[in-house]
PDB file of N, CA and C in Angstrom:
ATOM      1  N   MET A   1       0.951  -1.663  -0.230  1.00  0.00           N
ATOM      2  CA  MET A   1      -0.421  -0.114  -0.063  1.00  0.00           C
ATOM      3  C   MET A   1       1.053   1.436   0.112  1.00  0.00           C
ATOM      4  N   LEU A   2       1.979   0.911   0.714  1.00  0.00           N
ATOM      5  CA  LEU A   2       2.724   2.577   0.926  1.00  0.00           C
ATOM      6  C   LEU A   2       4.122   2.379   0.015  1.00  0.00           C
ATOM      7  N   ALA A   3       4.353   1.409  -1.462  1.00  0.00           N
ATOM      8  CA  ALA A   3       5.111   0.966  -1.772  1.00  0.00           C
ATOM      9  C   ALA A   3       6.036   2.470  -2.327  1.00  0.00           C
ATOM     10  N   PHE A   4       5.241   2.998  -2.845  1.00  0.00           N
ATOM     11  CA  PHE A   4       5.555   4.291  -3.429  1.00  0.00           C
ATOM     12  C   PHE A   4       6.308   5.371  -2.398  1.00  0.00           C
ATOM     13  N   ILE A   5       6.360   4.867  -1.279  1.00  0.00           N
ATOM     14  CA  ILE A   5       6.780   6.220  -0.391  1.00  0.00           C
ATOM     15  C   ILE A   5       8.342   5.303   0.399  1.00  0.00           C
ATOM     16  N   GLY A   6       8.293   4.583   0.324  1.00  0.00           N
ATOM     17  CA  GLY A   6       9.726   3.747   0.899  1.00  0.00           C
ATOM     18  C   GLY A   6      10.093   3.829   1.878  1.00  0.00           C
ATOM     19  N   PRO A   7      11.505   3.351   2.564  1.00  0.00           N
ATOM     20  CA  PRO A   7      11.695   3.099   3.161  1.00  0.00           C
ATOM     21  C   PRO A   7      11.767   3.825   4.374  1.00  0.00           C
ATOM     22  N   ASP A   8      11.890   5.624   3.997  1.00  0.00           N
ATOM     23  CA  ASP A   8      12.571   6.701   4.467  1.00  0.00           C
ATOM     24  C   ASP A   8      11.119   7.555   4.813  1.00  0.00           C
ATOM     25  N   VAL A   9      10.215   7.207   5.441  1.00  0.00           N
ATOM     26  CA  VAL A   9       9.506   7.568   5.444  1.00  0.00           C
ATOM     27  C   VAL A   9       9.808   9.336   6.888  1.00  0.00           C
ATOM     28  N   LEU A  10       9.175   9.900   6.652  1.00  0.00           N
ATOM     29  CA  LEU A  10       9.489  11.373   7.422  1.00  0.00           C
ATOM     30  C   LEU A  10       8.482  11.510   8.544  1.00  0.00           C
ATOM     31  N   VAL A  11       7.244  11.637   8.277  1.00  0.00           N
ATOM     32  CA  VAL A  11       6.237  11.419   9.127  1.00  0.00           C
ATOM     33  C   VAL A  11       5.005  10.756   9.116  1.00  0.00           C
ATOM     34  N   THR A  12       4.254   9.934   9.999  1.00  0.00           N
ATOM     35  CA  THR A  12       2.651   9.853   9.789  1.00  0.00           C
ATOM     36  C   THR A  12       1.737  10.702  10.517  1.00  0.00           C
ATOM     37  N   TYR A  13       1.214  10.792  10.230  1.00  0.00           N
ATOM     38  CA  TYR A  13      -0.218  11.678  11.274  1.00  0.00           C
ATOM     39  C   TYR A  13      -1.490  10.997  10.968  1.00  0.00           C
ATOM     40  N   GLU A  14      -2.375  10.736  11.931  1.00  0.00           N
ATOM     41  CA  GLU A  14      -3.550   9.950  11.863  1.00  0.00           C
ATOM     42  C   GLU A  14      -4.449  10.882  12.626  1.00  0.00           C
ATOM     43  N   ARG A  15      -5.911  11.343  12.442  1.00  0.00           N
ATOM     44  CA  ARG A  15      -6.175  11.871  13.300  1.00  0.00           C
ATOM     45  C   ARG A  15      -7.926  11.222  13.067  1.00  0.00           C
ATOM     46  N   THR A  16      -8.662  10.809  13.900  1.00  0.00           N
ATOM     47  CA  THR A  16      -9.661   9.777  13.957  1.00  0.00           C
ATOM     48  C   THR A  16     -10.775  10.502  15.079  1.00  0.00           C
ATOM     49  N   GLY A  17     -12.390   9.715  14.949  1.00  0.00           N
ATOM     50  CA  GLY A  17     -13.303  10.422  15.792  1.00  0.00           C
ATOM     51  C   GLY A  17     -13.916  11.551  15.140  1.00  0.00           C
ATOM     52  N   GLY A  18     -14.926  12.066  16.403  1.00  0.00           N
ATOM     53  CA  GLY A  18     -15.338  13.405  16.127  1.00  0.00           C
ATOM     54  C   GLY A  18     -16.769  12.175  15.951  1.00  0.00           C
ATOM     55  N   PHE A  19     -17.852  13.823  16.090  1.00  0.00           N
ATOM     56  CA  PHE A  19     -19.018  12.938  15.556  1.00  0.00           C
ATOM     57  C   PHE A  19     -19.320  12.786  14.694  1.00  0.00           C
ATOM     58  N   ALA A  20     -18.368  12.836  13.549  1.00  0.00           N
ATOM     59  CA  ALA A  20     -18.649  12.042  12.113  1.00  0.00           C
ATOM     60  C   ALA A  20     -18.301  11.156  11.832  1.00  0.00           C
ATOM     61  N   GLY A  21     -17.391  10.547  12.823  1.00  0.00           N
ATOM     62  CA  GLY A  21     -16.360   9.121  12.997  1.00  0.00           C
ATOM     63  C   GLY A  21     -15.258   9.238  11.466  1.00  0.00           C
ATOM     64  N   ILE A  22     -15.105  10.677  11.397  1.00  0.00           N
ATOM     65  CA  ILE A  22     -13.661  10.748  10.656  1.00  0.00           C
ATOM     66  C   ILE A  22     -12.255   9.791  10.484  1.00  0.00           C
ATOM     67  N   ARG A  23     -11.520   9.874   9.754  1.00  0.00           N
ATOM     68  CA  ARG A  23     -10.618   8.786   9.589  1.00  0.00           C
ATOM     69  C   ARG A  23      -8.985   9.583   8.285  1.00  0.00           C
ATOM     70  N   GLU A  24      -8.417  10.391   8.863  1.00  0.00           N
ATOM     71  CA  GLU A  24      -8.099  11.248   8.149  1.00  0.00           C
ATOM     72  C   GLU A  24      -6.417  10.414   8.367  1.00  0.00           C
ATOM     73  N   ARG A  25      -5.706  10.238   6.883  1.00  0.00           N
ATOM     74  CA  ARG A  25      -4.003   9.637   7.214  1.00  0.00           C
ATOM     75  C   ARG A  25      -3.518  10.195   6.509  1.00  0.00           C
ATOM     76  N   VAL A  26      -2.062  10.884   6.832  1.00  0.00           N
ATOM     77  CA  VAL A  26      -1.186  11.351   6.095  1.00  0.00           C
ATOM     78  C   VAL A  26       0.354  10.473   5.935  1.00  0.00           C
ATOM     79  N   THR A  27       0.571  10.144   5.426  1.00  0.00           N
ATOM     80  CA  THR A  27       2.432   9.610   5.328  1.00  0.00           C
ATOM     81  C   THR A  27       3.452  10.549   3.805  1.00  0.00           C
ATOM     82  N   VAL A  28       4.147  10.893   4.734  1.00  0.00           N
ATOM     83  CA  VAL A  28       5.331  11.851   3.519  1.00  0.00           C
ATOM     84  C   VAL A  28       6.344  11.338   3.960  1.00  0.00           C
ATOM     85  N   ASP A  29       7.335  10.882   2.765  1.00  0.00           N
ATOM     86  CA  ASP A  29       8.611  10.758   2.779  1.00  0.00           C
ATOM     87  C   ASP A  29       9.407  11.796   2.447  1.00  0.00           C
ATOM     88  N   ASN A  30      10.995  11.506   3.143  1.00  0.00           N
ATOM     89  CA  ASN A  30      12.106  12.398   3.119  1.00  0.00           C
ATOM     90  C   ASN A  30      11.836  12.944   1.448  1.00  0.00           C
ATOM     91  N   SER A  31      11.316  12.416   0.750  1.00  0.00           N
ATOM     92  CA  SER A  31      11.784  12.983  -0.969  1.00  0.00           C
ATOM     93  C   SER A  31      10.740  14.064  -1.276  1.00  0.00           C
ATOM     94  N   GLY A  32       9.529  13.961  -0.296  1.00  0.00           N
ATOM     95  CA  GLY A  32       8.294  15.174  -0.470  1.00  0.00           C
ATOM     96  C   GLY A  32       7.090  14.187  -1.200  1.00  0.00           C
ATOM     97  N   ALA A  33       7.015  12.815  -1.291  1.00  0.00           N
ATOM     98  CA  ALA A  33       6.074  11.809  -1.851  1.00  0.00           C
ATOM     99  C   ALA A  33       5.119  12.043  -0.488  1.00  0.00           C
ATOM    100  N   ALA A  34       3.929  11.940  -0.879  1.00  0.00           N
ATOM    101  CA  ALA A  34       3.040  11.810   0.055  1.00  0.00           C
ATOM    102  C   ALA A  34       1.673  11.232  -0.330  1.00  0.00           C
ATOM    103  N   LEU A  35       1.288  10.452   0.867  1.00  0.00           N
ATOM    104  CA  LEU A  35      -0.004   9.589   0.635  1.00  0.00           C
ATOM    105  C   LEU A  35      -1.142  10.489   1.595  1.00  0.00           C
ATOM    106  N   VAL A  36      -1.935  10.917   1.127  1.00  0.00           N
ATOM    107  CA  VAL A  36      -3.176  11.594   1.781  1.00  0.00           C
ATOM    108  C   VAL A  36      -4.363  10.739   1.682  1.00  0.00           C
ATOM    109  N   ASN A  37      -4.897  10.450   2.807  1.00  0.00           N
ATOM    110  CA  ASN A  37      -5.834   9.824   2.640  1.00  0.00           C
ATOM    111  C   ASN A  37      -6.372   8.792   1.263  1.00  0.00           C
ATOM    112  N   GLY A  38      -5.114   7.724   0.798  1.00  0.00           N
ATOM    113  CA  GLY A  38      -5.047   6.828   0.104  1.00  0.00           C
ATOM    114  C   GLY A  38      -5.074   7.378  -1.284  1.00  0.00           C
ATOM    115  N   LYS A  39      -4.361   8.562  -1.447  1.00  0.00           N
ATOM    116  CA  LYS A  39      -4.406   9.375  -2.691  1.00  0.00           C
ATOM    117  C   LYS A  39      -3.024  10.036  -2.888  1.00  0.00           C
ATOM    118  N   LYS A  40      -2.078   9.334  -3.827  1.00  0.00           N
ATOM    119  CA  LYS A  40      -0.399   9.860  -3.801  1.00  0.00           C
ATOM    120  C   LYS A  40      -0.709  11.551  -4.465  1.00  0.00           C
ATOM    121  N   THR A  41       0.613  12.311  -3.701  1.00  0.00           N
ATOM    122  CA  THR A  41       0.365  13.568  -3.861  1.00  0.00           C
ATOM    123  C   THR A  41       1.854  13.570  -3.554  1.00  0.00           C
ATOM    124  N   ALA A  42       2.634  15.286  -4.266  1.00  0.00           N
ATOM    125  CA  ALA A  42       3.767  15.561  -3.589  1.00  0.00           C
ATOM    126  C   ALA A  42       3.924  16.879  -2.957  1.00  0.00           C
ATOM    127  N   LEU A  43       4.947  16.771  -2.207  1.00  0.00           N
ATOM    128  CA  LEU A  43       4.996  18.859  -1.364  1.00  0.00           C
ATOM    129  C   LEU A  43       5.934  18.969  -2.198  1.00  0.00           C
ATOM    130  N   ASP A  44       5.883  20.328  -2.770  1.00  0.00           N
ATOM    131  CA  ASP A  44       7.133  21.299  -3.311  1.00  0.00           C
ATOM    132  C   ASP A  44       8.267  21.299  -1.990  1.00  0.00           C
ATOM    133  N   ASP A  45       9.082  22.322  -2.756  1.00  0.00           N
ATOM    134  CA  ASP A  45      10.435  22.796  -1.744  1.00  0.00           C
ATOM    135  C   ASP A  45       9.937  22.670  -0.868  1.00  0.00           C
ATOM    136  N   GLY A  46       9.130  24.439  -0.910  1.00  0.00           N
ATOM    137  CA  GLY A  46       8.651  25.187   0.416  1.00  0.00           C
ATOM    138  C   GLY A  46       7.623  24.306   1.268  1.00  0.00           C
ATOM    139  N   GLU A  47       7.141  23.534   0.599  1.00  0.00           N
ATOM    140  CA  GLU A  47       5.960  22.930   1.664  1.00  0.00           C
ATOM    141  C   GLU A  47       6.885  21.598   2.453  1.00  0.00           C
ATOM    142  N   MET A  48       7.936  21.013   2.049  1.00  0.00           N
ATOM    143  CA  MET A  48       9.288  20.509   2.795  1.00  0.00           C
ATOM    144  C   MET A  48       9.791  21.094   3.521  1.00  0.00           C
ATOM    145  N   ARG A  49      10.202  22.395   3.255  1.00  0.00           N
ATOM    146  CA  ARG A  49      10.805  23.327   4.347  1.00  0.00           C
ATOM    147  C   ARG A  49      10.192  23.553   5.365  1.00  0.00           C
ATOM    148  N   GLY A  50       8.405  23.981   5.105  1.00  0.00           N
ATOM    149  CA  GLY A  50       7.821  24.318   6.420  1.00  0.00           C
ATOM    150  C   GLY A  50       7.371  23.013   7.117  1.00  0.00           C
ATOM    151  N   LEU A  51       7.344  21.926   6.441  1.00  0.00           N
ATOM    152  CA  LEU A  51       6.659  20.536   7.295  1.00  0.00           C
ATOM    153  C   LEU A  51       8.007  20.556   8.088  1.00  0.00           C
ATOM    154  N   ARG A  52       9.535  20.076   7.436  1.00  0.00           N
ATOM    155  CA  ARG A  52      10.610  19.887   8.285  1.00  0.00           C
ATOM    156  C   ARG A  52      10.811  21.020   9.849  1.00  0.00           C
ATOM    157  N   ASP A  53      10.762  22.231   9.524  1.00  0.00           N
ATOM    158  CA  ASP A  53      10.587  22.986  10.474  1.00  0.00           C
ATOM    159  C   ASP A  53       9.971  23.017  11.643  1.00  0.00           C
ATOM    160  N   ALA A  54       8.521  22.434  11.396  1.00  0.00           N
ATOM    161  CA  ALA A  54       7.162  22.518  12.114  1.00  0.00           C
ATOM    162  C   ALA A  54       7.570  21.270  12.463  1.00  0.00           C
ATOM    163  N   LEU A  55       7.922  20.270  12.163  1.00  0.00           N
ATOM    164  CA  LEU A  55       8.145  19.221  12.892  1.00  0.00           C
ATOM    165  C   LEU A  55       8.822  19.020  13.868  1.00  0.00           C
ATOM    166  N   ARG A  56      10.494  19.820  13.915  1.00  0.00           N
ATOM    167  CA  ARG A  56      11.468  19.993  14.800  1.00  0.00           C
ATOM    168  C   ARG A  56      11.369  20.821  15.680  1.00  0.00           C
ATOM    169  N   GLN A  57       9.880  21.521  15.928  1.00  0.00           N
ATOM    170  CA  GLN A  57       9.747  21.960  17.368  1.00  0.00           C
ATOM    171  C   GLN A  57       9.012  20.791  17.769  1.00  0.00           C
ATOM    172  N   ILE A  58       8.563  20.002  17.940  1.00  0.00           N
ATOM    173  CA  ILE A  58       8.104  18.822  18.120  1.00  0.00           C
ATOM    174  C   ILE A  58       8.900  18.209  19.189  1.00  0.00           C
ATOM    175  N   VAL A  59       8.654  18.275  20.947  1.00  0.00           N
ATOM    176  CA  VAL A  59       9.546  17.954  21.524  1.00  0.00           C
ATOM    177  C   VAL A  59       8.382  16.672  22.661  1.00  0.00           C
ATOM    178  N   THR A  60       7.076  17.015  22.204  1.00  0.00           N
ATOM    179  CA  THR A  60       5.991  15.591  23.416  1.00  0.00           C
ATOM    180  C   THR A  60       5.777  14.761  22.237  1.00  0.00           C
ATOM    181  N   THR A  61       6.455  13.517  23.225  1.00  0.00           N
ATOM    182  CA  THR A  61       6.439  12.494  22.379  1.00  0.00           C
ATOM    183  C   THR A  61       5.807  11.312  23.432  1.00  0.00           C
ATOM    184  N   ASP A  62       5.181  11.645  24.045  1.00  0.00           N
ATOM    185  CA  ASP A  62       4.795  10.079  24.808  1.00  0.00           C
ATOM    186  C   ASP A  62       3.160  10.377  24.624  1.00  0.00           C
ATOM    187  N   SER A  63       2.193   9.631  24.573  1.00  0.00           N
ATOM    188  CA  SER A  63       1.329   9.030  24.399  1.00  0.00           C
ATOM    189  C   SER A  63       0.560  10.154  25.534  1.00  0.00           C
ATOM    190  N   SER A  64      -1.021  10.182  25.591  1.00  0.00           N
ATOM    191  CA  SER A  64      -1.447  10.386  27.055  1.00  0.00           C
ATOM    192  C   SER A  64      -3.177  10.474  26.466  1.00  0.00           C
ATOM    193  N   GLU A  65      -3.767   9.903  27.503  1.00  0.00           N
ATOM    194  CA  GLU A  65      -5.288   9.894  27.468  1.00  0.00           C
ATOM    195  C   GLU A  65      -5.880  11.128  27.836  1.00  0.00           C
ATOM    196  N   ALA A  66      -5.408  12.234  28.472  1.00  0.00           N
ATOM    197  CA  ALA A  66      -6.100  13.027  29.049  1.00  0.00           C
ATOM    198  C   ALA A  66      -6.848  13.779  27.330  1.00  0.00           C
ATOM    199  N   GLY A  67      -8.252  13.648  28.079  1.00  0.00           N
ATOM    200  CA  GLY A  67      -8.920  14.107  27.019  1.00  0.00           C
ATOM    201  C   GLY A  67      -9.905  13.243  26.363  1.00  0.00           C
ATOM    202  N   CYS A  68      -9.951  11.861  26.787  1.00  0.00           N
ATOM    203  CA  CYS A  68     -10.152  11.086  25.839  1.00  0.00           C
ATOM    204  C   CYS A  68     -11.379  10.703  26.338  1.00  0.00           C
ATOM    205  N   ARG A  69     -12.231  11.228  27.662  1.00  0.00           N
ATOM    206  CA  ARG A  69     -13.007  10.576  28.052  1.00  0.00           C
ATOM    207  C   ARG A  69     -14.597  11.694  27.786  1.00  0.00           C
ATOM    208  N   VAL A  70     -14.133  12.381  26.721  1.00  0.00           N
ATOM    209  CA  VAL A  70     -15.109  13.135  26.151  1.00  0.00           C
ATOM    210  C   VAL A  70     -16.078  12.443  24.995  1.00  0.00           C
ATOM    211  N   ALA A  71     -17.312  12.965  24.842  1.00  0.00           N
ATOM    212  CA  ALA A  71     -17.879  12.379  23.701  1.00  0.00           C
ATOM    213  C   ALA A  71     -17.659  13.317  22.189  1.00  0.00           C
ATOM    214  N   ASP A  72     -17.471  12.326  21.263  1.00  0.00           N
ATOM    215  CA  ASP A  72     -16.908  13.361  19.726  1.00  0.00           C
ATOM    216  C   ASP A  72     -15.380  13.305  19.984  1.00  0.00           C
ATOM    217  N   HIS A  73     -14.897  13.326  20.996  1.00  0.00           N
ATOM    218  CA  HIS A  73     -13.158  13.515  20.925  1.00  0.00           C
ATOM    219  C   HIS A  73     -12.523  13.401  19.526  1.00  0.00           C
ATOM    220  N   PHE A  74     -11.533  14.360  19.482  1.00  0.00           N
ATOM    221  CA  PHE A  74     -10.736  13.502  18.241  1.00  0.00           C
ATOM    222  C   PHE A  74      -9.174  12.675  19.051  1.00  0.00           C
ATOM    223  N   THR A  75      -9.064  11.602  18.132  1.00  0.00           N
ATOM    224  CA  THR A  75      -7.660  10.845  18.154  1.00  0.00           C
ATOM    225  C   THR A  75      -6.584  11.751  17.327  1.00  0.00           C
ATOM    226  N   TYR A  76      -5.326  11.859  18.331  1.00  0.00           N
ATOM    227  CA  TYR A  76      -4.233  12.202  17.230  1.00  0.00           C
ATOM    228  C   TYR A  76      -3.246  11.659  17.530  1.00  0.00           C
ATOM    229  N   THR A  77      -2.541  10.751  15.890  1.00  0.00           N
ATOM    230  CA  THR A  77      -1.508   9.950  16.392  1.00  0.00           C
ATOM    231  C   THR A  77      -0.367  10.735  15.143  1.00  0.00           C
ATOM    232  N   LEU A  78       1.113  10.576  15.542  1.00  0.00           N
ATOM    233  CA  LEU A  78       2.308  11.525  14.923  1.00  0.00           C
ATOM    234  C   LEU A  78       3.074  10.146  15.475  1.00  0.00           C
ATOM    235  N   THR A  79       3.985   9.837  13.943  1.00  0.00           N
ATOM    236  CA  THR A  79       5.185   8.763  14.098  1.00  0.00           C
ATOM    237  C   THR A  79       5.882  10.113  13.595  1.00  0.00           C
ATOM    238  N   TYR A  80       6.775  10.211  14.731  1.00  0.00           N
ATOM    239  CA  TYR A  80       7.996  10.907  13.518  1.00  0.00           C
ATOM    240  C   TYR A  80       8.822  10.310  14.597  1.00  0.00           C
ATOM    241  N   ARG A  81      10.741  10.282  13.859  1.00  0.00           N
ATOM    242  CA  ARG A  81      11.771   9.830  14.156  1.00  0.00           C
ATOM    243  C   ARG A  81      11.740   8.652  14.982  1.00  0.00           C
ATOM    244  N   GLY A  82      10.751   7.729  14.660  1.00  0.00           N
ATOM    245  CA  GLY A  82      10.913   6.596  15.330  1.00  0.00           C
ATOM    246  C   GLY A  82       9.905   6.307  16.929  1.00  0.00           C
ATOM    247  N   GLU A  83       9.039   7.732  16.744  1.00  0.00           N
ATOM    248  CA  GLU A  83       8.173   8.014  18.001  1.00  0.00           C
ATOM    249  C   GLU A  83       6.903   8.104  17.418  1.00  0.00           C
ATOM    250  N   ARG A  84       6.181   7.080  18.383  1.00  0.00           N
ATOM    251  CA  ARG A  84       4.584   7.170  18.138  1.00  0.00           C
ATOM    252  C   ARG A  84       3.995   7.918  19.122  1.00  0.00           C
ATOM    253  N   ALA A  85       3.252   8.627  19.136  1.00  0.00           N
ATOM    254  CA  ALA A  85       2.594   9.364  20.642  1.00  0.00           C
ATOM    255  C   ALA A  85       1.069   9.350  19.659  1.00  0.00           C
ATOM    256  N   VAL A  86       0.003   8.914  20.753  1.00  0.00           N
ATOM    257  CA  VAL A  86      -1.154   9.031  20.765  1.00  0.00           C
ATOM    258  C   VAL A  86      -1.850  10.008  21.748  1.00  0.00           C
ATOM    259  N   ARG A  87      -2.249  11.075  21.686  1.00  0.00           N
ATOM    260  CA  ARG A  87      -3.471  12.310  21.425  1.00  0.00           C
ATOM    261  C   ARG A  87      -4.951  12.215  21.474  1.00  0.00           C
ATOM    262  N   CYS A  88      -5.738  12.867  22.644  1.00  0.00           N
ATOM    263  CA  CYS A  88      -6.739  13.365  22.323  1.00  0.00           C
ATOM    264  C   CYS A  88      -7.111  14.908  22.287  1.00  0.00           C
ATOM    265  N   TRP A  89      -5.683  15.267  22.779  1.00  0.00           N
ATOM    266  CA  TRP A  89      -5.853  16.929  22.713  1.00  0.00           C
ATOM    267  C   TRP A  89      -4.420  17.042  22.155  1.00  0.00           C
ATOM    268  N   LEU A  90      -4.585  18.290  21.265  1.00  0.00           N
ATOM    269  CA  LEU A  90      -3.240  18.871  20.427  1.00  0.00           C
ATOM    270  C   LEU A  90      -2.337  19.219  21.029  1.00  0.00           C
ATOM    271  N   PRO A  91      -1.436  18.899  21.780  1.00  0.00           N
ATOM    272  CA  PRO A  91       0.264  19.407  22.295  1.00  0.00           C
ATOM    273  C   PRO A  91       0.604  20.602  21.378  1.00  0.00           C
ATOM    274  N   SER A  92       0.906  21.456  22.173  1.00  0.00           N
ATOM    275  CA  SER A  92       0.951  23.308  21.484  1.00  0.00           C
ATOM    276  C   SER A  92       2.085  22.761  20.448  1.00  0.00           C
ATOM    277  N   ASP A  93       2.748  22.216  20.957  1.00  0.00           N
ATOM    278  CA  ASP A  93       4.271  21.639  20.148  1.00  0.00           C
ATOM    279  C   ASP A  93       4.198  21.338  18.487  1.00  0.00           C
ATOM    280  N   TRP A  94       2.847  20.102  18.659  1.00  0.00           N
ATOM    281  CA  TRP A  94       2.486  19.548  17.050  1.00  0.00           C
ATOM    282  C   TRP A  94       1.845  20.464  16.312  1.00  0.00           C
ATOM    283  N   ARG A  95       0.923  21.524  16.949  1.00  0.00           N
ATOM    284  CA  ARG A  95       0.144  22.328  16.129  1.00  0.00           C
ATOM    285  C   ARG A  95       0.530  22.995  14.816  1.00  0.00           C
ATOM    286  N   ALA A  96       1.638  23.187  14.492  1.00  0.00           N
ATOM    287  CA  ALA A  96       2.599  23.632  13.392  1.00  0.00           C
ATOM    288  C   ALA A  96       2.266  22.104  12.178  1.00  0.00           C
ATOM    289  N   ALA A  97       2.757  21.502  12.984  1.00  0.00           N
ATOM    290  CA  ALA A  97       3.090  20.457  11.883  1.00  0.00           C
ATOM    291  C   ALA A  97       1.593  19.635  11.275  1.00  0.00           C
ATOM    292  N   VAL A  98       0.669  19.493  12.684  1.00  0.00           N
ATOM    293  CA  VAL A  98      -0.556  19.614  12.489  1.00  0.00           C
ATOM    294  C   VAL A  98      -1.358  20.040  11.752  1.00  0.00           C
ATOM    295  N   GLU A  99      -1.093  21.549  11.808  1.00  0.00           N
ATOM    296  CA  GLU A  99      -1.808  22.086  10.679  1.00  0.00           C
ATOM    297  C   GLU A  99      -1.124  22.194   8.817  1.00  0.00           C
ATOM    298  N   ARG A 100       0.013  21.512   9.026  1.00  0.00           N
ATOM    299  CA  ARG A 100       0.393  21.444   7.446  1.00  0.00           C
ATOM    300  C   ARG A 100       0.028  20.556   7.299  1.00  0.00           C
ATOM    301  N   LEU A 101      -0.042  19.276   7.723  1.00  0.00           N
ATOM    302  CA  LEU A 101      -0.342  18.101   7.747  1.00  0.00           C
ATOM    303  C   LEU A 101      -2.000  17.990   7.143  1.00  0.00           C
ATOM    304  N   GLU A 102      -2.958  18.731   7.554  1.00  0.00           N
ATOM    305  CA  GLU A 102      -4.112  18.793   7.976  1.00  0.00           C
ATOM    306  C   GLU A 102      -4.738  19.409   6.821  1.00  0.00           C
ATOM    307  N   ALA A 103      -3.325  20.365   6.074  1.00  0.00           N
ATOM    308  CA  ALA A 103      -3.760  21.445   4.709  1.00  0.00           C
ATOM    309  C   ALA A 103      -3.680  20.311   3.521  1.00  0.00           C
ATOM    310  N   LEU A 104      -2.908  19.229   3.614  1.00  0.00           N
ATOM    311  CA  LEU A 104      -2.795  18.485   2.543  1.00  0.00           C
ATOM    312  C   LEU A 104      -4.075  17.692   2.430  1.00  0.00           C
ATOM    313  N   THR A 105      -4.729  17.533   3.432  1.00  0.00           N
ATOM    314  CA  THR A 105      -6.127  16.572   3.292  1.00  0.00           C
ATOM    315  C   THR A 105      -7.167  17.721   2.552  1.00  0.00           C
ATOM    316  N   ARG A 106      -6.720  18.871   2.367  1.00  0.00           N
ATOM    317  CA  ARG A 106      -8.048  19.697   1.698  1.00  0.00           C
ATOM    318  C   ARG A 106      -7.644  20.120   0.283  1.00  0.00           C
ATOM    319  N   ARG A 107      -6.528  19.655  -0.273  1.00  0.00           N
ATOM    320  CA  ARG A 107      -6.124  19.952  -1.293  1.00  0.00           C
ATOM    321  C   ARG A 107      -6.884  19.548  -2.568  1.00  0.00           C
TER     322      ARG A 107
END
């Protein structure tokens, strides 16, 4: 399924839940090839620079159940630098990267 992404995945992001039960998934490799909700796309050089800059701001790498016990919450899963974290509220240091990754779902 992710064969075109290759072994050098930069980041994988998933947002699930909410009232409508959505599932969004974005995988970007180091070359800028991306799989967004099952569709192939590519990031240009500026998008990749911005994403890498945003990813470097991430320091929250642990999972937490805080915020999970509310109706219609979203669950955010981010895998970066070999660390996979699951959260039900968006840590502030994730915000810039998540905004860039979610923007890809609206292309």
